[in-house]
Protein backbone atom coordinates (compact mmCIF):
# COMPACT_ATOMS: atom_id res chain seq x y z
CA MET A 1 35.22 -68.04 29.10
CA ASN A 2 36.03 -71.24 30.15
CA PHE A 3 33.37 -73.63 31.11
CA LEU A 4 33.03 -77.11 33.33
CA ILE A 5 29.20 -78.79 31.77
CA ASP A 6 27.60 -80.83 35.02
CA GLU A 7 26.53 -83.64 34.68
CA ASN A 8 22.94 -82.80 34.55
CA LEU A 9 23.04 -81.11 31.30
CA SER A 10 23.67 -82.81 27.79
CA PRO A 11 27.24 -83.55 27.07
CA ARG A 12 26.05 -81.30 23.60
CA VAL A 13 25.89 -77.99 25.74
CA ALA A 14 29.71 -78.07 25.89
CA GLU A 15 30.18 -78.69 21.91
CA LEU A 16 27.88 -76.09 21.57
CA LEU A 17 29.71 -73.84 23.49
CA THR A 18 33.21 -75.03 22.06
CA LYS A 19 31.81 -74.16 18.72
CA ALA A 20 30.77 -70.64 19.74
CA GLY A 21 34.53 -70.59 20.60
CA HIS A 22 34.15 -70.64 24.08
CA ASP A 23 36.86 -73.67 25.85
CA SER A 24 34.45 -76.00 26.77
CA VAL A 25 34.07 -79.38 28.82
CA HIS A 26 31.51 -81.92 30.00
CA VAL A 27 32.09 -83.88 33.23
CA ARG A 28 32.40 -86.81 31.53
CA ASP A 29 35.32 -85.47 29.41
CA LEU A 30 37.09 -85.62 32.28
CA ASP A 31 35.94 -88.91 34.15
CA ALA A 32 33.84 -86.68 36.45
CA THR A 33 30.68 -88.63 36.11
CA SER A 34 29.20 -89.21 39.14
CA ALA A 35 31.70 -87.25 41.26
CA PRO A 36 30.47 -85.44 44.35
CA ASP A 37 30.21 -81.58 43.95
CA THR A 38 33.07 -80.65 45.94
CA THR A 39 35.16 -82.77 42.90
CA VAL A 40 33.36 -80.71 40.28
CA MET A 41 34.51 -77.54 42.38
CA THR A 42 37.61 -78.27 42.36
CA LEU A 43 38.15 -79.44 38.93
CA ALA A 44 36.64 -76.02 38.09
CA VAL A 45 38.81 -73.91 40.03
CA ALA A 46 42.09 -76.19 38.54
CA ASP A 47 41.45 -75.01 35.18
CA GLY A 48 39.96 -71.50 35.98
CA ARG A 49 35.63 -72.41 34.73
CA VAL A 50 32.63 -71.62 35.42
CA ILE A 51 30.48 -74.57 35.99
CA ILE A 52 27.26 -74.70 34.43
CA SER A 53 24.68 -76.68 36.21
CA ALA A 54 20.81 -77.42 37.03
CA ASP A 55 22.03 -78.27 40.50
CA THR A 56 21.37 -75.97 43.10
CA ASP A 57 23.30 -77.84 45.61
CA PHE A 58 26.79 -75.42 44.19
CA GLY A 59 25.11 -72.58 45.30
CA ALA A 60 24.37 -74.08 49.15
CA LEU A 61 28.45 -75.68 49.24
CA LEU A 62 29.87 -72.18 47.95
CA ALA A 63 27.61 -70.27 50.69
CA GLN A 64 28.82 -72.97 53.43
CA THR A 65 32.34 -72.45 52.67
CA ARG A 66 32.57 -68.92 51.86
CA ALA A 67 34.55 -69.85 48.68
CA THR A 68 35.01 -67.02 46.33
CA GLU A 69 35.83 -69.43 42.96
CA PRO A 70 34.62 -71.27 41.37
CA SER A 71 31.51 -69.23 39.38
CA VAL A 72 28.78 -70.81 38.75
CA ILE A 73 25.45 -70.22 36.54
CA LEU A 74 22.56 -71.92 37.57
CA VAL A 75 19.86 -73.08 34.66
CA ARG A 76 17.88 -75.10 36.57
CA GLU A 77 14.55 -73.25 35.39
CA LEU A 78 15.90 -74.00 31.63
CA LEU A 79 15.98 -77.11 32.20
CA GLY A 80 13.72 -77.85 29.35
CA LEU A 81 14.69 -76.08 26.62
CA ARG A 82 17.17 -78.18 24.12
CA PRO A 83 20.62 -77.86 24.47
CA PRO A 84 21.05 -75.23 21.32
CA ASP A 85 18.21 -73.14 22.96
CA LEU A 86 20.14 -72.97 26.65
CA VAL A 87 23.54 -72.45 24.87
CA ASN A 88 21.84 -69.61 22.70
CA ILE A 89 20.32 -67.84 26.14
CA ILE A 90 23.84 -68.27 28.07
CA ILE A 91 25.82 -66.56 25.39
CA ASP A 92 23.35 -63.60 24.28
CA HIS A 93 24.00 -62.85 28.10
CA LEU A 94 27.57 -63.36 28.61
CA ASP A 95 28.41 -59.77 27.91
CA VAL A 96 26.81 -58.61 31.04
CA LEU A 97 27.49 -61.71 33.22
CA GLU A 98 31.18 -61.81 31.96
CA PRO A 99 32.45 -58.93 34.48
CA HIS A 100 30.76 -60.64 37.88
CA LEU A 101 31.64 -64.77 36.74
CA GLN A 102 35.58 -63.44 36.55
CA ALA A 103 34.80 -61.80 39.91
CA GLY A 104 33.54 -64.49 41.46
CA ALA A 105 29.76 -64.95 41.11
CA VAL A 106 26.37 -67.26 40.89
CA ALA A 107 24.15 -66.08 38.38
CA ALA A 108 20.63 -68.49 38.18
CA PHE A 109 18.86 -68.03 35.16
CA THR A 110 15.12 -67.74 35.31
CA THR A 111 12.43 -68.17 33.59
CA SER A 112 11.82 -64.22 34.36
CA GLY A 113 15.38 -62.86 33.99
CA ILE A 114 18.82 -63.61 36.14
CA ARG A 115 19.83 -63.11 39.48
CA VAL A 116 22.92 -62.33 40.00
CA ARG A 117 24.86 -62.54 43.64
CA ALA A 118 28.63 -62.40 44.36
CA LEU A 119 31.03 -64.55 46.07
CA PRO A 120 31.26 -65.18 48.65
CA LEU A 121 27.66 -65.73 49.56
CA ARG A 122 26.33 -65.09 53.03
């Protein structure tokens, strides 16, 4: 899968996902540090990337615009994890998440599981 890692996560997340065989970039690699969320979303759509972020504003923006892309993986509740542990959790669940993310979805990782909502959000 192709991922765009938001600035609230370590660039190491992108590096580790790339090492695991995924096309991953951090917003800093695109000179988009401090860019508005709408710009990050536009970049993700243009490159066919799934956003990985701890910023729940992406869900609100997707709901407000009723957009069908980009897909977003929210990891807010996992922020305390080291990048290798966070990446391992994401990779361990990609087989189940990938079809949803390809169709357009928001997947929120919580301490008790994963919640997936199809796009557009209502």
